[in-house]
């Protein structure tokens, strides 16, 4: 079963601001310094790459559950967690540092193995938890 990501206003605001700054930098670099063609070209390639990575990450984030694995993908960040290793879920909580294949706040912190954790933001947290508990009902769930 595949779950789409949720995108909140905070993510859209940050992504839009970064994209706008990149585009304005490109415009002003070409408009103001026509003599430095090589520098402007490399700067443009770099900034367009940053814009591309942002758009790719927002559009290509999803999570899938099988009977044995939870797979996540967010742009270039992807991974697999075995369902048997999942110990705890913290629902409607935000994790600010660590592995975050997510595009929204108030998602799910998945704690697995002994000290590992990953933050995800499916479109519907409760539906995701319900489906995961169907596979392994012993998972501890904390709701915030």
Foldseek 3Di string as FASTA:
>chain_A
DKFAADADPVLVVVLVVLLVVLVVVLVCCCVPCVPPVVVSVVSNVVSVVVNVQSVQQNVPWMWDDDLFWIWTDGRVDIDIDTLVFWAEKEAQAADDDDAESHNDHRGIWTDGHDGDIYTYGTPDRVVVVVVSCVSPVNHHYHYD
